[in-house]
Amino acid sequence: MLSMESLWCSSESELSTLRLAKSVERSEYRFSRRKPSKSLIPQALLHSTEAQPRSHRRRRSGTWPRTRSLNAPSPIQQFGPCGRIMKNSAMVMQIQDPASQRLTWYKPPLTVLVIKKVHDASILSSFVQLVHWLVHDKSMVVFVEAAVLDDTLLAEYGDFASVRDRLMTFRAGTDDLTDKIDFIICLGGDGTLLHASSLFQQSVPPVMAFHLGSLGFLTPFEFNNFQDQVMNVLEGHAALTLRSRLQCVVLRKTSGDGKDKKKPTTILVLNEVVVDRGPSPYLSNIDLFLDGKHITSVQGDGLIVSTPTGSTAYAVAAGASMIHPSVPAIMVTPICPHSLSFRPIVVPAGVELKITPSLEARNAASVSFDGRSQLTLRPGDSLYVTTSVYPVPSICAQDQISDWFDSLAECLHWNVRKKQKQIDELSDMTHSSSDTLEELDGNHHDDRPADT
């Protein structure tokens, strides 16, 4: 039998490369950070703290300016005996199978941030129990928002007096929590998880969310046995759902001389960014670009750009599909479009969207991020949206699949209906119907004349 070496006519370096490609095990997935991408945003306008030195940046080969997906396993890059992906500096990111992602601590967590739903007296008892247990029984350093301690109803709980002076406080938007928090516990509804995401504009600590609110789609834990559940997490016995976030950059229009150049606004969102017409009575007229290519113009009430996590929020109310949070994707959903054929679309997580009001628009556009931080987009301003490399590691009560489908059933009543009766329960109706048909057949007479 002829060997590959005897048939190979190219250089020895290409032969060694092919041998290496054939030796790659197909089921191997590795977790590594995505290489920096060539953004469509002009570099002269960016002032991001995440920017790397120019000497460390690599220029992409080819004309495909997209980044790579956040949570997708890396495909094998060889196709048959001869075909393979051209190697360049923008290789597909490699990551483990999302179903196997589990929490582990390389050192014991010491600091915990407790986020409580504000203006809700029903949560105060649970909050006092939790912080008392964390401080006295687990000897952990507990951070809470300063506004939480301003609640006068906390004075009614005698156990809280012995804990109050040992709590660390901070103010959102003023104090920086980066590298200070090992673990986050949320008490409330889905809004507490969104608030926790907004506090960390880079790496987010693992989040454990207890269902003490109204909907609770993102809060899978029940509080009745919180000690055992928190202990399981602290011991590293928990699955993780990496909920991707969107990095949104707002660039303002500048004059020709560039004297009024403004620093871009960067916000990370967990659910969605919404561009709509605001209080204006006129339709929105928004241009949508994908990786630099003009896709369409949106005429209607607006546009929703959401993560898979946000697909079950505003997007599904606007007619979009529901996407599991482990799927690497970005969903684009029109709001009341003035076109019957404009349906929601799903694009890869690595693409970069550009949204800008059309120059012919009658009014400016309004932008909101996770339902807050509202800004105004005027013609000439641009909003860039892509997947952030900083997801929210949400701790699962069971696993990634069970938690999501349980939330669909319990919170949204997905596919809930009365069951159809069995055949034996309808047997009497079936027989009566058959008898009636036989009687009709027997009594039927054809009065038409016979053929001669």
Protein backbone atom coordinates (compact mmCIF):
# COMPACT_ATOMS: atom_id res chain seq x y z
CA MET A 1 0.00 0.00 0.00
CA LEU A 2 1.27 3.46 -0.90
CA SER A 3 1.84 5.74 2.09
CA MET A 4 0.96 9.41 2.40
CA GLU A 5 4.69 10.25 2.35
CA SER A 6 5.26 8.51 -0.98
CA LEU A 7 2.34 10.35 -2.64
CA TRP A 8 3.14 13.78 -1.20
CA CYS A 9 4.65 16.19 -3.74
CA SER A 10 4.82 19.42 -1.77
CA SER A 11 7.28 20.64 0.84
CA GLU A 12 8.15 18.82 4.04
CA SER A 13 6.67 21.66 6.16
CA GLU A 14 3.23 21.23 4.56
CA LEU A 15 3.45 17.47 5.08
CA SER A 16 4.17 17.93 8.78
CA THR A 17 1.24 20.35 9.04
CA LEU A 18 -1.10 17.80 7.48
CA ARG A 19 0.13 15.09 9.86
CA LEU A 20 -0.60 17.41 12.79
CA ALA A 21 -4.10 18.18 11.49
CA LYS A 22 -4.91 14.48 11.13
CA SER A 23 -3.79 13.78 14.69
CA VAL A 24 -6.26 16.23 16.25
CA GLU A 25 -8.90 14.40 18.25
CA ARG A 26 -12.35 15.38 16.98
CA SER A 27 -14.11 15.46 20.36
CA GLU A 28 -11.64 17.82 22.03
CA TYR A 29 -12.87 21.24 23.16
CA ARG A 30 -10.75 23.75 25.02
CA PHE A 31 -11.67 26.95 26.83
CA SER A 32 -9.55 29.93 25.82
CA ARG A 33 -10.05 33.67 25.50
CA ARG A 34 -11.09 34.97 22.11
CA LYS A 35 -8.42 36.85 20.22
CA PRO A 36 -9.10 40.57 19.83
CA SER A 37 -11.02 41.36 16.67
CA LYS A 38 -10.75 44.15 14.18
CA SER A 39 -13.78 46.20 15.11
CA LEU A 40 -15.72 48.29 12.66
CA ILE A 41 -15.61 51.19 15.13
CA PRO A 42 -12.91 53.70 14.13
CA GLN A 43 -9.98 53.15 16.47
CA ALA A 44 -9.38 56.89 16.80
CA LEU A 45 -12.80 57.23 18.45
CA LEU A 46 -12.40 54.38 20.90
CA HIS A 47 -11.14 55.01 24.43
CA SER A 48 -11.84 51.62 25.97
CA THR A 49 -9.93 50.36 28.99
CA GLU A 50 -9.88 46.91 27.40
CA ALA A 51 -7.77 48.05 24.46
CA GLN A 52 -4.45 46.26 24.16
CA PRO A 53 -1.13 47.83 23.14
CA ARG A 54 -0.77 48.25 19.40
CA SER A 55 2.20 45.88 19.33
CA HIS A 56 -0.01 43.00 20.57
CA ARG A 57 -2.71 43.44 17.96
CA ARG A 58 -2.83 41.22 14.91
CA ARG A 59 -4.29 42.23 11.61
CA ARG A 60 -6.86 39.88 10.15
CA SER A 61 -6.16 38.28 6.81
CA GLY A 62 -8.90 38.50 4.20
CA THR A 63 -11.87 40.87 4.21
CA TRP A 64 -14.12 39.12 6.77
CA PRO A 65 -14.15 41.55 9.73
CA ARG A 66 -16.09 39.44 12.19
CA THR A 67 -15.13 38.10 15.57
CA ARG A 68 -15.87 34.53 16.59
CA SER A 69 -18.70 33.04 18.59
CA LEU A 70 -18.54 33.03 22.36
CA ASN A 71 -19.96 29.66 23.36
CA ALA A 72 -19.61 27.46 20.27
CA PRO A 73 -17.36 24.39 20.25
CA SER A 74 -14.54 24.67 17.76
CA PRO A 75 -15.16 22.65 14.59
CA ILE A 76 -12.54 20.44 13.00
CA GLN A 77 -10.75 22.55 10.42
CA GLN A 78 -9.96 19.79 7.89
CA PHE A 79 -12.53 18.65 5.32
CA GLY A 80 -11.73 15.42 3.52
CA PRO A 81 -8.21 14.55 2.38
CA CYS A 82 -7.38 17.96 0.89
CA GLY A 83 -9.67 20.77 2.08
CA ARG A 84 -9.06 22.82 5.18
CA ILE A 85 -9.62 26.32 6.58
CA MET A 86 -6.99 28.87 5.65
CA LYS A 87 -4.95 29.63 8.76
CA ASN A 88 -4.82 33.22 9.90
CA SER A 89 -4.76 35.28 13.06
CA ALA A 90 -8.54 35.00 13.50
CA MET A 91 -8.85 31.28 14.15
CA VAL A 92 -12.09 29.98 15.60
CA MET A 93 -12.17 30.23 19.39
CA GLN A 94 -12.06 26.90 21.19
CA ILE A 95 -14.24 26.21 24.22
CA GLN A 96 -15.58 23.20 26.06
CA ASP A 97 -19.07 21.83 25.49
CA PRO A 98 -21.53 24.18 27.31
CA ALA A 99 -23.33 21.16 28.81
CA SER A 100 -20.16 20.21 30.70
CA GLN A 101 -19.45 23.66 32.16
CA ARG A 102 -19.29 23.38 35.94
CA LEU A 103 -18.14 25.77 38.63
CA THR A 104 -14.80 25.27 40.33
CA TRP A 105 -12.83 27.42 42.78
CA TYR A 106 -9.05 27.56 42.57
CA LYS A 107 -9.13 29.10 46.06
CA PRO A 108 -11.94 29.29 48.67
CA PRO A 109 -14.27 32.30 48.11
CA LEU A 110 -14.05 34.83 50.94
CA THR A 111 -16.14 37.81 49.78
CA VAL A 112 -19.79 37.67 48.77
CA LEU A 113 -22.05 40.39 47.36
CA VAL A 114 -25.69 40.16 48.45
CA ILE A 115 -28.13 42.03 46.19
CA LYS A 116 -31.63 42.50 47.57
CA LYS A 117 -34.74 43.64 45.79
CA VAL A 118 -35.34 47.21 46.97
CA HIS A 119 -38.60 48.51 48.45
CA ASP A 120 -39.84 44.99 49.24
CA ALA A 121 -40.51 44.33 52.93
CA SER A 122 -41.25 40.63 52.30
CA ILE A 123 -37.56 39.96 51.52
CA LEU A 124 -36.14 41.58 54.67
CA SER A 125 -36.50 38.44 56.79
CA SER A 126 -34.71 36.29 54.20
CA PHE A 127 -32.01 38.95 53.79
CA VAL A 128 -31.30 39.07 57.54
CA GLN A 129 -31.15 35.26 57.78
CA LEU A 130 -28.72 35.05 54.87
CA VAL A 131 -26.25 37.75 55.94
CA HIS A 132 -26.32 36.51 59.55
CA TRP A 133 -25.44 32.98 58.39
CA LEU A 134 -22.73 34.19 56.00
CA VAL A 135 -21.04 36.42 58.60
CA HIS A 136 -21.30 34.30 61.74
CA ASP A 137 -21.40 30.72 60.45
CA LYS A 138 -19.25 31.00 57.31
CA SER A 139 -16.98 33.92 58.37
CA MET A 140 -17.31 35.59 54.98
CA VAL A 141 -16.94 39.27 54.12
CA VAL A 142 -20.38 40.47 52.97
CA PHE A 143 -20.91 43.45 50.65
CA VAL A 144 -24.30 45.17 50.34
CA GLU A 145 -25.45 48.39 48.73
CA ALA A 146 -25.51 51.38 51.06
CA ALA A 147 -29.14 52.04 50.10
CA VAL A 148 -30.12 48.65 51.57
CA LEU A 149 -29.03 49.65 55.07
CA ASP A 150 -31.08 52.84 54.84
CA ASP A 151 -34.28 50.79 55.12
CA THR A 152 -35.78 51.69 58.52
CA LEU A 153 -37.69 48.38 58.70
CA LEU A 154 -34.40 46.52 59.31
CA ALA A 155 -34.38 47.90 62.85
CA GLU A 156 -37.28 45.56 63.67
CA TYR A 157 -35.01 42.52 63.29
CA GLY A 158 -32.95 42.08 66.45
CA ASP A 159 -30.46 39.68 64.82
CA PHE A 160 -29.47 42.30 62.27
CA ALA A 161 -27.97 44.67 64.86
CA SER A 162 -25.09 42.26 65.53
CA VAL A 163 -24.32 42.01 61.80
CA ARG A 164 -24.85 45.56 60.59
CA ASP A 165 -21.44 46.91 61.63
CA ARG A 166 -19.66 44.00 59.95
CA LEU A 167 -21.16 44.59 56.52
CA MET A 168 -19.17 46.30 53.77
CA THR A 169 -21.13 48.89 51.78
CA PHE A 170 -20.77 50.42 48.32
CA ARG A 171 -22.71 52.75 46.05
CA ALA A 172 -23.58 51.72 42.51
CA GLY A 173 -22.03 53.93 39.87
CA THR A 174 -19.50 55.36 42.34
CA ASP A 175 -17.53 52.50 43.87
CA ASP A 176 -15.65 49.98 41.74
CA LEU A 177 -16.17 46.31 42.70
CA THR A 178 -13.71 44.87 40.19
CA ASP A 179 -11.59 42.09 41.75
CA LYS A 180 -13.27 42.58 45.15
CA ILE A 181 -16.14 40.07 44.91
CA ASP A 182 -15.77 36.28 44.72
CA PHE A 183 -19.43 35.33 44.69
CA ILE A 184 -22.83 37.00 44.20
CA ILE A 185 -26.18 36.07 45.78
CA CYS A 186 -29.36 37.71 44.49
CA LEU A 187 -32.57 37.87 46.52
CA GLY A 188 -35.57 38.93 44.45
CA GLY A 189 -36.70 38.66 40.85
CA ASP A 190 -35.06 38.86 37.46
CA GLY A 191 -34.29 42.54 38.01
CA THR A 192 -31.76 41.69 40.72
CA LEU A 193 -29.74 39.59 38.25
CA LEU A 194 -29.87 42.39 35.68
CA HIS A 195 -28.68 44.82 38.35
CA ALA A 196 -25.81 42.49 39.29
CA SER A 197 -24.79 42.37 35.62
CA SER A 198 -24.76 46.17 35.38
CA LEU A 199 -22.43 46.46 38.39
CA PHE A 200 -19.67 44.54 36.59
CA GLN A 201 -18.74 45.92 33.18
CA GLN A 202 -15.95 43.38 32.80
CA SER A 203 -15.53 39.99 34.49
CA VAL A 204 -18.57 38.93 36.54
CA PRO A 205 -18.30 36.62 39.59
CA PRO A 206 -20.57 33.52 39.71
CA VAL A 207 -24.18 34.50 40.45
CA MET A 208 -26.62 32.48 42.56
CA ALA A 209 -30.17 33.84 42.25
CA PHE A 210 -32.99 33.00 44.69
CA HIS A 211 -36.59 33.32 43.53
CA LEU A 212 -38.18 35.93 45.79
CA GLY A 213 -39.76 38.14 43.13
CA SER A 214 -42.75 38.08 40.80
CA LEU A 215 -41.64 36.23 37.65
CA GLY A 216 -38.36 34.51 38.49
CA PHE A 217 -37.36 33.30 35.02
CA LEU A 218 -33.65 33.83 35.80
CA THR A 219 -33.83 32.87 39.50
CA PRO A 220 -33.96 29.05 39.79
CA PHE A 221 -33.23 28.63 43.54
CA GLU A 222 -35.83 28.41 46.32
CA PHE A 223 -34.91 29.99 49.66
CA ASN A 224 -36.39 27.46 52.10
CA ASN A 225 -33.12 25.47 52.43
CA PHE A 226 -30.62 28.14 51.41
CA GLN A 227 -27.86 26.85 53.72
CA ASP A 228 -27.53 23.51 51.92
CA GLN A 229 -27.75 25.09 48.49
CA VAL A 230 -25.13 27.75 49.22
CA MET A 231 -22.83 25.11 50.72
CA ASN A 232 -23.08 23.03 47.52
CA VAL A 233 -22.01 26.06 45.52
CA LEU A 234 -19.16 26.94 47.88
CA GLU A 235 -17.91 23.36 47.59
CA GLY A 236 -17.95 23.58 43.80
CA HIS A 237 -20.91 21.24 43.15
CA ALA A 238 -22.86 23.29 40.61
CA ALA A 239 -23.43 23.62 36.88
CA LEU A 240 -23.02 26.96 35.12
CA THR A 241 -24.91 28.68 32.33
CA LEU A 242 -22.73 31.29 30.63
CA ARG A 243 -25.24 33.98 29.72
CA SER A 244 -23.67 36.08 26.98
CA ARG A 245 -23.91 39.86 27.12
CA LEU A 246 -23.95 42.51 24.42
CA GLN A 247 -21.28 45.19 24.26
CA CYS A 248 -22.95 48.40 23.12
CA VAL A 249 -20.89 51.40 22.02
CA VAL A 250 -22.54 54.74 21.20
CA LEU A 251 -20.53 57.05 18.94
CA ARG A 252 -21.64 60.66 18.50
CA LYS A 253 -21.47 62.56 15.24
CA THR A 254 -18.44 64.81 14.98
CA SER A 255 -17.85 67.90 12.88
CA GLY A 256 -15.40 67.97 10.02
CA ASP A 257 -12.60 69.53 12.09
CA GLY A 258 -13.03 66.95 14.87
CA LYS A 259 -12.97 69.57 17.64
CA ASP A 260 -16.20 68.33 19.23
CA LYS A 261 -15.14 64.67 19.37
CA LYS A 262 -16.79 62.99 22.34
CA LYS A 263 -15.73 59.91 24.25
CA PRO A 264 -17.88 56.90 23.21
CA THR A 265 -20.29 55.41 25.73
CA THR A 266 -19.82 51.67 26.37
CA ILE A 267 -22.47 49.61 28.18
CA LEU A 268 -22.81 45.84 28.64
CA VAL A 269 -26.36 44.47 28.69
CA LEU A 270 -27.69 41.04 29.62
CA ASN A 271 -31.16 41.13 28.05
CA GLU A 272 -31.44 43.58 25.18
CA VAL A 273 -30.78 46.99 23.71
CA VAL A 274 -33.89 48.68 22.28
CA VAL A 275 -33.88 51.40 19.63
CA ASP A 276 -37.33 52.96 19.21
CA ARG A 277 -39.06 56.21 18.32
CA GLY A 278 -39.45 57.36 21.92
CA PRO A 279 -42.18 59.99 22.45
CA SER A 280 -42.26 60.96 18.76
CA PRO A 281 -45.49 60.30 16.81
CA TYR A 282 -43.52 59.46 13.65
CA LEU A 283 -42.28 56.02 12.58
CA SER A 284 -38.68 55.13 13.32
CA ASN A 285 -36.39 55.12 10.28
CA ILE A 286 -33.29 53.16 11.26
CA ASP A 287 -30.49 51.77 9.08
CA LEU A 288 -29.15 48.36 10.10
CA PHE A 289 -25.64 47.21 9.11
CA LEU A 290 -24.10 43.78 9.74
CA ASP A 291 -20.31 43.51 9.52
CA GLY A 292 -20.27 46.74 7.52
CA LYS A 293 -22.91 45.67 5.00
CA HIS A 294 -26.23 47.51 4.88
CA ILE A 295 -28.90 44.89 5.62
CA THR A 296 -32.15 46.82 5.73
CA SER A 297 -33.90 49.96 6.88
CA VAL A 298 -36.32 49.57 9.77
CA GLN A 299 -39.57 51.50 9.51
CA GLY A 300 -41.85 50.92 12.45
CA ASP A 301 -41.84 51.42 16.19
CA GLY A 302 -38.24 50.29 16.58
CA LEU A 303 -35.77 47.43 16.85
CA ILE A 304 -34.77 44.97 19.59
CA VAL A 305 -31.27 43.47 19.64
CA SER A 306 -31.22 40.78 22.31
CA THR A 307 -29.08 38.00 23.72
CA PRO A 308 -30.45 34.44 23.99
CA THR A 309 -31.19 35.25 27.63
CA GLY A 310 -33.18 38.30 26.53
CA SER A 311 -35.09 36.33 23.89
CA THR A 312 -37.65 35.36 26.56
CA ALA A 313 -38.13 38.99 27.65
CA TYR A 314 -39.14 41.89 25.37
CA ALA A 315 -38.23 39.99 22.19
CA VAL A 316 -40.70 37.14 22.69
CA ALA A 317 -43.44 39.67 23.43
CA ALA A 318 -42.67 41.24 20.03
CA GLY A 319 -43.06 37.88 18.24
CA ALA A 320 -39.54 36.42 18.37
CA SER A 321 -38.54 32.84 19.11
CA MET A 322 -37.12 31.70 22.42
CA ILE A 323 -33.42 30.71 22.36
CA HIS A 324 -31.58 28.70 24.98
CA PRO A 325 -28.95 30.88 26.71
CA SER A 326 -26.12 28.52 25.70
CA VAL A 327 -26.75 29.11 21.99
CA PRO A 328 -24.16 31.57 20.59
CA ALA A 329 -26.40 34.03 18.78
CA ILE A 330 -27.78 37.57 18.59
CA MET A 331 -31.48 38.06 17.88
CA VAL A 332 -32.76 41.04 15.88
CA THR A 333 -36.49 41.67 16.31
CA PRO A 334 -38.50 44.54 14.76
CA ILE A 335 -41.16 46.26 16.87
CA CYS A 336 -44.42 46.64 14.91
CA PRO A 337 -42.67 46.89 11.53
CA HIS A 338 -44.50 48.63 8.68
CA SER A 339 -43.89 45.56 6.52
CA LEU A 340 -45.64 42.19 6.64
CA SER A 341 -42.48 40.30 5.63
CA PHE A 342 -40.11 41.73 8.23
CA ARG A 343 -39.66 38.78 10.59
CA PRO A 344 -37.18 38.37 13.49
CA ILE A 345 -33.77 37.01 12.51
CA VAL A 346 -30.96 35.23 14.39
CA VAL A 347 -27.33 36.03 13.49
CA PRO A 348 -24.04 34.53 14.75
CA ALA A 349 -22.79 35.80 18.08
CA GLY A 350 -19.52 37.10 16.65
CA VAL A 351 -20.93 39.61 14.17
CA GLU A 352 -20.98 43.35 14.75
CA LEU A 353 -24.20 45.30 14.22
CA LYS A 354 -24.32 48.99 13.46
CA ILE A 355 -27.57 50.88 14.04
CA THR A 356 -27.99 54.48 13.03
CA PRO A 357 -30.97 56.78 12.33
CA SER A 358 -31.42 57.39 8.61
CA LEU A 359 -30.48 60.81 7.35
CA GLU A 360 -34.04 61.11 6.03
CA ALA A 361 -35.57 60.26 9.44
CA ARG A 362 -38.19 62.71 10.69
CA ASN A 363 -37.13 62.27 14.30
CA ALA A 364 -34.28 61.08 16.51
CA ALA A 365 -34.23 57.57 17.96
CA SER A 366 -34.29 56.60 21.62
CA VAL A 367 -32.00 53.87 22.98
CA SER A 368 -32.41 51.94 26.25
CA PHE A 369 -30.12 49.29 27.72
CA ASP A 370 -31.80 46.52 29.74
CA GLY A 371 -34.72 48.89 30.27
CA ARG A 372 -32.60 51.69 31.73
CA SER A 373 -29.86 54.23 30.82
CA GLN A 374 -31.90 55.86 28.08
CA LEU A 375 -29.99 57.84 25.44
CA THR A 376 -30.91 59.70 22.24
CA LEU A 377 -29.54 58.80 18.80
CA ARG A 378 -29.63 61.62 16.25
CA PRO A 379 -28.89 61.27 12.53
CA GLY A 380 -25.14 60.81 12.23
CA ASP A 381 -24.83 59.03 15.61
CA SER A 382 -24.11 55.29 15.59
CA LEU A 383 -24.73 52.36 17.93
CA TYR A 384 -22.37 49.37 17.60
CA VAL A 385 -23.48 46.06 19.13
CA THR A 386 -21.56 42.80 19.37
CA THR A 387 -21.14 39.92 21.81
CA SER A 388 -19.01 40.74 24.83
CA VAL A 389 -16.25 38.42 25.99
CA TYR A 390 -17.53 38.85 29.57
CA PRO A 391 -20.60 36.62 30.11
CA VAL A 392 -22.63 36.31 33.30
CA PRO A 393 -21.88 32.90 34.91
CA SER A 394 -25.32 31.97 36.24
CA ILE A 395 -25.33 29.03 38.68
CA CYS A 396 -27.89 26.33 37.89
CA ALA A 397 -30.18 24.74 40.47
CA GLN A 398 -30.20 21.49 38.44
CA ASP A 399 -28.53 21.82 35.03
CA GLN A 400 -28.58 24.03 31.95
CA ILE A 401 -31.46 22.22 30.23
CA SER A 402 -33.72 21.44 33.20
CA ASP A 403 -33.57 24.96 34.64
CA TRP A 404 -34.52 26.60 31.34
CA PHE A 405 -37.44 24.33 30.48
CA ASP A 406 -38.74 24.47 34.07
CA SER A 407 -38.74 28.26 33.79
CA LEU A 408 -40.61 28.08 30.48
CA ALA A 409 -43.28 25.87 32.03
CA GLU A 410 -43.63 27.62 35.40
CA CYS A 411 -43.18 31.27 34.42
CA LEU A 412 -44.43 31.50 30.85
CA HIS A 413 -46.76 28.44 30.90
CA TRP A 414 -45.18 27.32 27.64
CA ASN A 415 -47.38 24.79 25.76
CA VAL A 416 -49.80 24.41 28.67
CA ARG A 417 -53.25 23.16 27.66
CA LYS A 418 -55.86 20.63 28.71
CA LYS A 419 -55.05 17.11 27.63
CA GLN A 420 -57.19 15.36 25.08
CA LYS A 421 -59.38 12.58 26.47
CA GLN A 422 -58.38 8.98 25.90
CA ILE A 423 -60.16 6.73 23.41
CA ASP A 424 -61.80 4.48 26.05
CA GLU A 425 -63.38 7.53 27.68
CA LEU A 426 -65.05 8.36 24.35
CA SER A 427 -66.05 4.81 23.41
CA ASP A 428 -69.76 5.43 23.98
CA MET A 429 -69.62 8.52 21.81
CA THR A 430 -67.75 6.58 19.12
CA HIS A 431 -70.31 3.76 19.07
CA SER A 432 -73.24 6.16 18.95
CA SER A 433 -71.62 8.02 16.08
CA SER A 434 -71.03 4.75 14.18
CA ASP A 435 -74.64 3.66 14.69
CA THR A 436 -75.88 6.94 13.40
CA LEU A 437 -73.75 6.65 10.28
CA GLU A 438 -74.99 3.11 9.63
CA GLU A 439 -78.61 4.25 9.94
CA LEU A 440 -77.98 7.06 7.52
CA ASP A 441 -76.44 4.63 5.04
CA GLY A 442 -79.38 2.24 5.38
CA ASN A 443 -82.00 4.92 4.91
CA HIS A 444 -80.21 6.50 1.95
CA HIS A 445 -81.87 5.84 -1.41
CA ASP A 446 -80.53 6.87 -4.76
CA ASP A 447 -83.44 8.24 -6.78
CA ARG A 448 -81.37 8.79 -9.92
CA PRO A 449 -82.36 6.56 -12.88
CA ALA A 450 -80.09 3.61 -13.62
CA ASP A 451 -77.91 3.58 -16.68
CA THR A 452 -79.45 1.78 -19.64
